[in-house]
Amino acid sequence: MIELVFFDAGDTLLRPHPSFEELFASVCSARGHEITPADVTAVRERMAPHLVDIAEATGVDNPSLSAEASLTFWSFLYRRFLEELRVDDEGLVKELFSVFSSSASYKLYPDVLPAVEDLRASGYRLGLISNFETWLEDMLVELELGGVFEPVVISGREGIEKPDPALYRIAVERSGIDPSRGVHVGDSPKMDVEPALEVGLNAVLLDRLDRYPDVAYPRIASLSELIPTIGRL
């Protein structure tokens, strides 16, 4: 029986608002570059449908573990996007990093608060396991999720990043549960599902955009499907 539901943060609970593509395009337009969300979407589909897919190309193994690593990683990614868009503006790289590093640029998905309320009302404990910089916890407070998760295990604080299963072991140890009584919910097979399964947790893939139709493990399109899915584990 599942007792505790761990969540990933980025692209699971929260996202750039109104979307990565729209925010990226608006920052470009503000600096005089005629870039549309559709242009950014086309680049993303060619280069990185899931942003973590190009992580190795950045030369940074653990981008959330220090401010310098974060700057290097995300600047590389934004610069690559701009190259594909044929925009040469190093100042824009810095502006994109600033905007996407601000909690004001993020919102919860609409299904998050209802799902959290339903899970808590059903008696589940909630935890968080996320690759993110240390400012994530303050952002959760701003997004009405302060104090909801226990434990909160953030890579930037722990010095370990997914997909290292050690981050999941830390979360399990702090929760005090047997891993078979926990489930992790995240949007990436590599970063979320596989390491969770490795440490003995159950796992559910949140596949909002139907990127992974052929996976063998439980998959949902919305957090509204989570409680019945957990009930079948």
Protein backbone atom coordinates (compact mmCIF):
# COMPACT_ATOMS: atom_id res chain seq x y z
CA MET A 1 0.00 0.00 0.00
CA ILE A 2 1.36 3.41 -0.96
CA GLU A 3 1.87 5.85 1.93
CA LEU A 4 3.97 8.63 0.43
CA VAL A 5 3.91 10.30 -2.99
CA PHE A 6 7.14 12.01 -4.09
CA PHE A 7 6.98 14.58 -6.87
CA ASP A 8 9.48 16.01 -9.28
CA ALA A 9 9.18 19.81 -9.64
CA GLY A 10 10.05 21.19 -13.10
CA ASP A 11 7.61 20.13 -15.85
CA THR A 12 5.70 18.10 -13.26
CA LEU A 13 4.40 20.64 -10.75
CA LEU A 14 5.53 23.89 -12.32
CA ARG A 15 6.61 25.34 -15.64
CA PRO A 16 7.72 28.62 -17.21
CA HIS A 17 4.63 30.79 -17.65
CA PRO A 18 2.79 30.86 -19.96
CA SER A 19 5.15 28.28 -21.53
CA PHE A 20 8.85 27.91 -22.26
CA GLU A 21 8.25 28.80 -25.90
CA GLU A 22 6.07 31.84 -25.23
CA LEU A 23 8.35 33.23 -22.53
CA PHE A 24 11.44 32.67 -24.66
CA ALA A 25 9.83 34.44 -27.62
CA SER A 26 8.63 37.37 -25.51
CA VAL A 27 12.13 37.98 -24.13
CA CYS A 28 13.52 37.93 -27.67
CA SER A 29 10.83 40.30 -28.92
CA ALA A 30 11.50 42.73 -26.09
CA ARG A 31 15.07 43.06 -27.40
CA GLY A 32 13.89 43.67 -30.97
CA HIS A 33 14.14 40.15 -32.38
CA GLU A 34 11.05 38.97 -34.25
CA ILE A 35 10.80 35.48 -32.81
CA THR A 36 7.46 33.70 -32.34
CA PRO A 37 6.55 30.85 -29.98
CA ALA A 38 6.11 28.67 -33.08
CA ASP A 39 9.72 29.41 -34.07
CA VAL A 40 10.93 28.29 -30.63
CA THR A 41 8.74 25.19 -30.74
CA ALA A 42 10.22 24.22 -34.10
CA VAL A 43 13.75 24.53 -32.72
CA ARG A 44 12.87 22.57 -29.62
CA GLU A 45 11.36 19.77 -31.67
CA ARG A 46 14.48 19.57 -33.82
CA MET A 47 17.01 19.89 -31.07
CA ALA A 48 15.59 18.97 -27.67
CA PRO A 49 11.97 17.85 -27.28
CA HIS A 50 12.86 17.37 -23.62
CA LEU A 51 15.42 19.94 -22.49
CA VAL A 52 17.38 17.40 -20.42
CA ASP A 53 18.04 15.48 -23.64
CA ILE A 54 20.89 17.82 -24.57
CA ALA A 55 22.38 18.01 -21.09
CA GLU A 56 25.50 16.07 -22.05
CA ALA A 57 26.33 18.51 -24.84
CA THR A 58 26.67 21.40 -22.40
CA GLY A 59 29.78 19.97 -20.76
CA VAL A 60 28.18 20.47 -17.34
CA ASP A 61 27.29 17.28 -15.49
CA ASN A 62 25.47 18.85 -12.56
CA PRO A 63 24.02 22.26 -13.45
CA SER A 64 21.99 22.81 -10.29
CA LEU A 65 24.86 22.25 -7.86
CA SER A 66 26.38 25.73 -8.10
CA ALA A 67 25.56 29.16 -9.48
CA GLU A 68 28.50 28.90 -11.89
CA ALA A 69 27.40 25.50 -13.22
CA SER A 70 23.82 26.72 -13.62
CA LEU A 71 24.96 29.79 -15.57
CA THR A 72 27.20 27.71 -17.84
CA PHE A 73 24.56 25.05 -18.53
CA TRP A 74 21.60 27.32 -19.24
CA SER A 75 23.65 29.88 -21.17
CA PHE A 76 24.84 27.07 -23.43
CA LEU A 77 21.26 25.92 -23.99
CA TYR A 78 19.90 29.43 -24.71
CA ARG A 79 22.84 30.17 -27.00
CA ARG A 80 22.15 26.97 -28.97
CA PHE A 81 18.50 27.90 -29.35
CA LEU A 82 19.47 31.35 -30.58
CA GLU A 83 21.94 29.88 -33.06
CA GLU A 84 19.15 27.75 -34.49
CA LEU A 85 16.98 30.87 -34.66
CA ARG A 86 19.83 32.76 -36.37
CA VAL A 87 19.99 35.37 -33.64
CA ASP A 88 23.43 36.68 -32.65
CA ASP A 89 22.94 38.57 -29.39
CA GLU A 90 25.04 37.61 -26.38
CA GLY A 91 23.14 40.11 -24.26
CA LEU A 92 20.00 38.15 -25.01
CA VAL A 93 21.61 35.01 -23.58
CA LYS A 94 22.13 36.87 -20.31
CA GLU A 95 18.58 38.24 -20.37
CA LEU A 96 17.10 34.78 -20.95
CA PHE A 97 19.12 33.37 -18.05
CA SER A 98 17.89 36.15 -15.77
CA VAL A 99 14.24 35.70 -16.73
CA PHE A 100 14.22 31.92 -16.46
CA SER A 101 16.01 32.10 -13.10
CA SER A 102 13.26 34.23 -11.57
CA SER A 103 10.41 32.66 -9.61
CA ALA A 104 8.12 35.28 -11.16
CA SER A 105 8.46 33.40 -14.47
CA TYR A 106 6.91 30.16 -13.17
CA LYS A 107 3.38 28.95 -12.46
CA LEU A 108 1.85 25.70 -11.30
CA TYR A 109 0.06 23.48 -13.78
CA PRO A 110 -3.71 23.81 -13.27
CA ASP A 111 -4.04 20.22 -12.03
CA VAL A 112 -1.46 20.56 -9.24
CA LEU A 113 -3.35 22.16 -6.35
CA PRO A 114 -6.48 20.00 -6.84
CA ALA A 115 -4.31 16.88 -6.94
CA VAL A 116 -2.39 17.92 -3.82
CA GLU A 117 -5.63 18.59 -1.95
CA ASP A 118 -7.11 15.25 -2.99
CA LEU A 119 -3.97 13.31 -2.08
CA ARG A 120 -3.76 14.89 1.37
CA ALA A 121 -7.47 14.37 1.96
CA SER A 122 -6.98 10.71 1.04
CA GLY A 123 -4.28 10.34 3.69
CA TYR A 124 -1.16 10.32 1.52
CA ARG A 125 2.02 12.01 2.66
CA LEU A 126 3.78 14.12 0.03
CA GLY A 127 7.46 14.62 -0.67
CA LEU A 128 9.64 16.30 -3.29
CA ILE A 129 12.71 15.07 -5.18
CA SER A 130 13.97 17.60 -7.71
CA ASN A 131 16.94 18.68 -9.76
CA PHE A 132 16.75 22.41 -9.10
CA GLU A 133 18.70 25.30 -7.68
CA THR A 134 18.26 26.11 -4.01
CA TRP A 135 15.73 28.87 -4.68
CA LEU A 136 13.09 26.26 -5.51
CA GLU A 137 11.91 26.05 -1.91
CA ASP A 138 11.20 29.79 -1.74
CA MET A 139 9.35 29.54 -5.05
CA LEU A 140 7.16 26.75 -3.66
CA VAL A 141 6.09 29.10 -0.87
CA GLU A 142 5.18 31.75 -3.44
CA LEU A 143 3.17 29.15 -5.38
CA GLU A 144 1.13 28.11 -2.31
CA LEU A 145 3.02 24.85 -1.80
CA GLY A 146 5.11 25.90 1.18
CA GLY A 147 5.11 23.25 3.91
CA VAL A 148 3.25 20.72 1.74
CA PHE A 149 6.20 18.41 1.08
CA GLU A 150 8.19 16.50 3.68
CA PRO A 151 10.88 15.62 2.92
CA VAL A 152 12.04 18.17 0.37
CA VAL A 153 15.16 16.87 -1.39
CA ILE A 154 16.64 19.37 -3.85
CA SER A 155 19.81 18.61 -5.79
CA GLY A 156 21.24 22.10 -5.35
CA ARG A 157 21.22 21.61 -1.61
CA GLU A 158 22.27 17.96 -1.48
CA GLY A 159 25.15 18.12 -3.95
CA ILE A 160 23.73 15.19 -5.95
CA GLU A 161 21.66 15.30 -9.13
CA LYS A 162 19.27 12.93 -10.81
CA PRO A 163 19.55 10.41 -12.29
CA ASP A 164 21.91 9.42 -9.48
CA PRO A 165 19.78 7.08 -7.35
CA ALA A 166 21.57 8.42 -4.26
CA LEU A 167 19.24 11.43 -4.33
CA TYR A 168 16.28 9.06 -4.08
CA ARG A 169 17.91 7.10 -1.27
CA ILE A 170 18.27 10.33 0.70
CA ALA A 171 14.58 11.02 0.24
CA VAL A 172 13.57 7.50 1.28
CA GLU A 173 15.82 7.60 4.34
CA ARG A 174 14.44 10.97 5.48
CA SER A 175 10.87 9.86 4.93
CA GLY A 176 11.26 6.83 7.19
CA ILE A 177 9.21 4.60 4.91
CA ASP A 178 9.98 1.32 3.21
CA PRO A 179 10.59 2.27 -0.44
CA SER A 180 7.91 -0.18 -1.58
CA ARG A 181 5.37 2.09 0.15
CA GLY A 182 6.44 5.16 -1.79
CA VAL A 183 5.89 6.27 -5.37
CA HIS A 184 7.71 8.92 -7.37
CA VAL A 185 5.89 10.98 -10.00
CA GLY A 186 7.90 12.79 -12.65
CA ASP A 187 8.02 13.66 -16.33
CA SER A 188 11.25 11.94 -17.42
CA PRO A 189 11.87 8.20 -17.79
CA LYS A 190 15.62 8.69 -17.38
CA MET A 191 15.62 11.28 -14.61
CA ASP A 192 12.56 10.19 -12.63
CA VAL A 193 11.26 6.71 -13.29
CA GLU A 194 14.42 4.65 -13.73
CA PRO A 195 16.33 5.85 -10.63
CA ALA A 196 13.19 5.65 -8.50
CA LEU A 197 12.67 2.03 -9.51
CA GLU A 198 16.35 1.31 -8.85
CA VAL A 199 16.01 2.20 -5.17
CA GLY A 200 12.79 0.20 -4.77
CA LEU A 201 10.22 2.97 -5.10
CA ASN A 202 7.23 2.64 -7.34
CA ALA A 203 7.09 5.16 -10.19
CA VAL A 204 4.51 6.88 -12.36
CA LEU A 205 5.47 8.79 -15.50
CA LEU A 206 3.61 12.07 -15.98
CA ASP A 207 3.52 12.36 -19.77
CA ARG A 208 1.48 15.50 -20.40
CA LEU A 209 2.51 15.76 -24.07
CA ASP A 210 2.34 12.05 -24.98
CA ARG A 211 6.08 11.83 -25.61
CA TYR A 212 6.47 8.27 -24.33
CA PRO A 213 3.50 6.16 -25.50
CA ASP A 214 5.36 2.85 -25.42
CA VAL A 215 6.74 2.70 -21.88
CA ALA A 216 5.95 -0.39 -19.82
CA TYR A 217 5.39 1.34 -16.48
CA PRO A 218 2.36 3.35 -15.32
CA ARG A 219 1.86 6.54 -17.33
CA ILE A 220 -0.64 9.36 -16.86
CA ALA A 221 -1.45 12.49 -18.86
CA SER A 222 -2.69 14.55 -15.90
CA LEU A 223 -2.33 14.54 -12.14
CA SER A 224 -6.10 14.09 -11.99
CA GLU A 225 -5.37 10.45 -12.91
CA LEU A 226 -2.88 9.94 -10.09
CA ILE A 227 -5.00 8.62 -7.22
CA PRO A 228 -6.64 5.80 -9.20
CA THR A 229 -3.26 4.94 -10.72
CA ILE A 230 -1.65 4.75 -7.28
CA GLY A 231 -4.49 2.55 -6.14
CA ARG A 232 -3.54 -0.02 -8.76
CA LEU A 233 0.12 -0.25 -7.74
